[in-house]
């Protein structure tokens, strides 16, 4: 998902993570944003 986003020159990827998945996504570079979504700036 992340590599495909970079290939497509996306600015960011938003996702909604469960409590259990939040730590994993933070390790990948996602950050918490308002409205409970997480965002990775590419």
PDB file of N, CA and C in Angstrom:
ATOM      1  N   UNK A   1       0.822  -1.185   0.000  1.00  0.00           N
ATOM      2  CA  UNK A   1       0.000   0.000   0.000  1.00  0.00           C
ATOM      3  C   UNK A   1       0.873   1.258   0.000  1.00  0.00           C
ATOM      4  N   UNK A   2       1.878   1.283   0.824  1.00  0.00           N
ATOM      5  CA  UNK A   2       2.730   2.472   0.926  1.00  0.00           C
ATOM      6  C   UNK A   2       3.533   2.667  -0.363  1.00  0.00           C
ATOM      7  N   UNK A   3       4.144   1.605  -0.856  1.00  0.00           N
ATOM      8  CA  UNK A   3       4.930   1.723  -2.088  1.00  0.00           C
ATOM      9  C   UNK A   3       4.043   2.127  -3.266  1.00  0.00           C
ATOM     10  N   UNK A   4       2.856   1.579  -3.346  1.00  0.00           N
ATOM     11  CA  UNK A   4       1.935   1.944  -4.430  1.00  0.00           C
ATOM     12  C   UNK A   4       1.570   3.427  -4.339  1.00  0.00           C
ATOM     13  N   UNK A   5       1.369   3.925  -3.135  1.00  0.00           N
ATOM     14  CA  UNK A   5       1.083   5.345  -2.946  1.00  0.00           C
ATOM     15  C   UNK A   5       2.232   6.222  -3.416  1.00  0.00           C
ATOM     16  N   UNK A   6       3.451   5.791  -3.131  1.00  0.00           N
ATOM     17  CA  UNK A   6       4.626   6.557  -3.586  1.00  0.00           C
ATOM     18  C   UNK A   6       4.732   6.533  -5.108  1.00  0.00           C
ATOM     19  N   UNK A   7       4.495   5.360  -5.703  1.00  0.00           N
ATOM     20  CA  UNK A   7       4.542   5.258  -7.166  1.00  0.00           C
ATOM     21  C   UNK A   7       3.523   6.182  -7.816  1.00  0.00           C
ATOM     22  N   UNK A   8       2.372   6.314  -7.183  1.00  0.00           N
ATOM     23  CA  UNK A   8       1.311   7.163  -7.725  1.00  0.00           C
ATOM     24  C   UNK A   8       1.459   8.623  -7.309  1.00  0.00           C
ATOM     25  N   UNK A   9       2.549   8.906  -6.584  1.00  0.00           N
ATOM     26  CA  UNK A   9       2.863  10.263  -6.121  1.00  0.00           C
ATOM     27  C   UNK A   9       1.746  10.874  -5.268  1.00  0.00           C
ATOM     28  N   UNK A  10       1.160  10.044  -4.403  1.00  0.00           N
ATOM     29  CA  UNK A  10       0.158  10.542  -3.469  1.00  0.00           C
ATOM     30  C   UNK A  10       0.843  11.397  -2.409  1.00  0.00           C
ATOM     31  N   UNK A  11       0.123  12.352  -1.881  1.00  0.00           N
ATOM     32  CA  UNK A  11       0.665  13.207  -0.822  1.00  0.00           C
ATOM     33  C   UNK A  11       0.573  12.530   0.536  1.00  0.00           C
ATOM     34  N   UNK A  12      -0.453  11.716   0.727  1.00  0.00           N
ATOM     35  CA  UNK A  12      -0.645  11.043   2.003  1.00  0.00           C
ATOM     36  C   UNK A  12      -1.596   9.863   1.844  1.00  0.00           C
ATOM     37  N   UNK A  13      -1.596   9.009   2.862  1.00  0.00           N
ATOM     38  CA  UNK A  13      -2.524   7.884   2.952  1.00  0.00           C
ATOM     39  C   UNK A  13      -3.214   8.004   4.300  1.00  0.00           C
ATOM     40  N   UNK A  14      -4.536   7.988   4.310  1.00  0.00           N
ATOM     41  CA  UNK A  14      -5.297   7.976   5.552  1.00  0.00           C
ATOM     42  C   UNK A  14      -5.808   6.571   5.805  1.00  0.00           C
ATOM     43  N   UNK A  15      -5.852   6.170   7.068  1.00  0.00           N
ATOM     44  CA  UNK A  15      -6.464   4.899   7.420  1.00  0.00           C
ATOM     45  C   UNK A  15      -7.061   5.011   8.809  1.00  0.00           C
ATOM     46  N   UNK A  16      -7.956   4.107   9.103  1.00  0.00           N
ATOM     47  CA  UNK A  16      -8.553   4.008  10.429  1.00  0.00           C
ATOM     48  C   UNK A  16      -8.009   2.735  11.064  1.00  0.00           C
ATOM     49  N   UNK A  17      -7.256   2.892  12.136  1.00  0.00           N
ATOM     50  CA  UNK A  17      -6.611   1.754  12.784  1.00  0.00           C
ATOM     51  C   UNK A  17      -7.354   1.361  14.051  1.00  0.00           C
ATOM     52  N   UNK A  18      -7.340   0.072  14.328  1.00  0.00           N
ATOM     53  CA  UNK A  18      -7.843  -0.408  15.617  1.00  0.00           C
ATOM     54  C   UNK A  18      -6.821  -0.046  16.684  1.00  0.00           C
ATOM     55  N   UNK A  19      -7.225  -0.150  17.939  1.00  0.00           N
ATOM     56  CA  UNK A  19      -6.274   0.106  19.029  1.00  0.00           C
ATOM     57  C   UNK A  19      -5.071  -0.818  18.913  1.00  0.00           C
ATOM     58  N   UNK A  20      -5.329  -2.063  18.539  1.00  0.00           N
ATOM     59  CA  UNK A  20      -4.252  -3.044  18.437  1.00  0.00           C
ATOM     60  C   UNK A  20      -3.291  -2.722  17.295  1.00  0.00           C
ATOM     61  N   UNK A  21      -3.776  -2.114  16.218  1.00  0.00           N
ATOM     62  CA  UNK A  21      -2.942  -1.827  15.058  1.00  0.00           C
ATOM     63  C   UNK A  21      -2.231  -0.492  15.093  1.00  0.00           C
ATOM     64  N   UNK A  22      -2.639   0.388  15.989  1.00  0.00           N
ATOM     65  CA  UNK A  22      -2.088   1.744  16.018  1.00  0.00           C
ATOM     66  C   UNK A  22      -0.572   1.750  16.167  1.00  0.00           C
ATOM     67  N   UNK A  23      -0.033   0.957  17.067  1.00  0.00           N
ATOM     68  CA  UNK A  23       1.421   0.924  17.286  1.00  0.00           C
ATOM     69  C   UNK A  23       2.188   0.525  16.040  1.00  0.00           C
ATOM     70  N   UNK A  24       1.676  -0.462  15.319  1.00  0.00           N
ATOM     71  CA  UNK A  24       2.318  -0.909  14.090  1.00  0.00           C
ATOM     72  C   UNK A  24       2.363   0.222  13.063  1.00  0.00           C
ATOM     73  N   UNK A  25       1.228   0.877  12.868  1.00  0.00           N
ATOM     74  CA  UNK A  25       1.177   1.952  11.877  1.00  0.00           C
ATOM     75  C   UNK A  25       2.050   3.137  12.278  1.00  0.00           C
ATOM     76  N   UNK A  26       2.140   3.423  13.566  1.00  0.00           N
ATOM     77  CA  UNK A  26       3.042   4.491  14.023  1.00  0.00           C
ATOM     78  C   UNK A  26       4.490   4.141  13.683  1.00  0.00           C
ATOM     79  N   UNK A  27       4.865   2.887  13.836  1.00  0.00           N
ATOM     80  CA  UNK A  27       6.229   2.453  13.493  1.00  0.00           C
ATOM     81  C   UNK A  27       6.509   2.619  12.004  1.00  0.00           C
ATOM     82  N   UNK A  28       5.459   2.543  11.180  1.00  0.00           N
ATOM     83  CA  UNK A  28       5.607   2.710   9.733  1.00  0.00           C
ATOM     84  C   UNK A  28       5.616   4.181   9.321  1.00  0.00           C
ATOM     85  N   UNK A  29       5.372   5.088  10.294  1.00  0.00           N
ATOM     86  CA  UNK A  29       5.430   6.512   9.999  1.00  0.00           C
ATOM     87  C   UNK A  29       4.098   7.230  10.004  1.00  0.00           C
ATOM     88  N   UNK A  30       3.004   6.498  10.223  1.00  0.00           N
ATOM     89  CA  UNK A  30       1.699   7.149  10.298  1.00  0.00           C
ATOM     90  C   UNK A  30       1.624   7.976  11.565  1.00  0.00           C
ATOM     91  N   UNK A  31       0.855   9.043  11.530  1.00  0.00           N
ATOM     92  CA  UNK A  31       0.670   9.899  12.696  1.00  0.00           C
ATOM     93  C   UNK A  31      -0.820  10.070  12.953  1.00  0.00           C
ATOM     94  N   UNK A  32      -1.154  10.284  14.231  1.00  0.00           N
ATOM     95  CA  UNK A  32      -2.553  10.509  14.581  1.00  0.00           C
ATOM     96  C   UNK A  32      -2.984  11.885  14.102  1.00  0.00           C
ATOM     97  N   UNK A  33      -4.171  11.953  13.530  1.00  0.00           N
ATOM     98  CA  UNK A  33      -4.770  13.215  13.103  1.00  0.00           C
ATOM     99  C   UNK A  33      -6.196  13.256  13.652  1.00  0.00           C
ATOM    100  N   UNK A  34      -6.845  14.420  13.654  1.00  0.00           N
ATOM    101  CA  UNK A  34      -8.219  14.491  14.162  1.00  0.00           C
ATOM    102  C   UNK A  34      -9.143  13.519  13.429  1.00  0.00           C
ATOM    103  N   UNK A  35     -10.231  13.198  14.052  1.00  0.00           N
ATOM    104  CA  UNK A  35     -11.267  12.327  13.493  1.00  0.00           C
ATOM    105  C   UNK A  35     -10.847  10.860  13.484  1.00  0.00           C
ATOM    106  N   UNK A  36      -9.926  10.470  14.322  1.00  0.00           N
ATOM    107  CA  UNK A  36      -9.446   9.105  14.551  1.00  0.00           C
ATOM    108  C   UNK A  36      -8.750   8.452  13.365  1.00  0.00           C
ATOM    109  N   UNK A  37      -8.565   9.152  12.272  1.00  0.00           N
ATOM    110  CA  UNK A  37      -7.786   8.569  11.173  1.00  0.00           C
ATOM    111  C   UNK A  37      -6.308   8.734  11.472  1.00  0.00           C
ATOM    112  N   UNK A  38      -5.484   7.951  10.795  1.00  0.00           N
ATOM    113  CA  UNK A  38      -4.034   8.116  10.863  1.00  0.00           C
ATOM    114  C   UNK A  38      -3.577   8.471   9.468  1.00  0.00           C
ATOM    115  N   UNK A  39      -2.491   9.233   9.370  1.00  0.00           N
ATOM    116  CA  UNK A  39      -2.024   9.709   8.066  1.00  0.00           C
ATOM    117  C   UNK A  39      -0.528   9.476   7.947  1.00  0.00           C
ATOM    118  N   UNK A  40      -0.090   9.051   6.761  1.00  0.00           N
ATOM    119  CA  UNK A  40       1.322   8.926   6.419  1.00  0.00           C
ATOM    120  C   UNK A  40       1.590   9.904   5.298  1.00  0.00           C
ATOM    121  N   UNK A  41       2.448  10.888   5.517  1.00  0.00           N
ATOM    122  CA  UNK A  41       2.821  11.832   4.472  1.00  0.00           C
ATOM    123  C   UNK A  41       3.920  11.192   3.632  1.00  0.00           C
ATOM    124  N   UNK A  42       3.753  11.205   2.327  1.00  0.00           N
ATOM    125  CA  UNK A  42       4.710  10.564   1.423  1.00  0.00           C
ATOM    126  C   UNK A  42       5.654  11.570   0.811  1.00  0.00           C
TER     127      UNK A  42
END
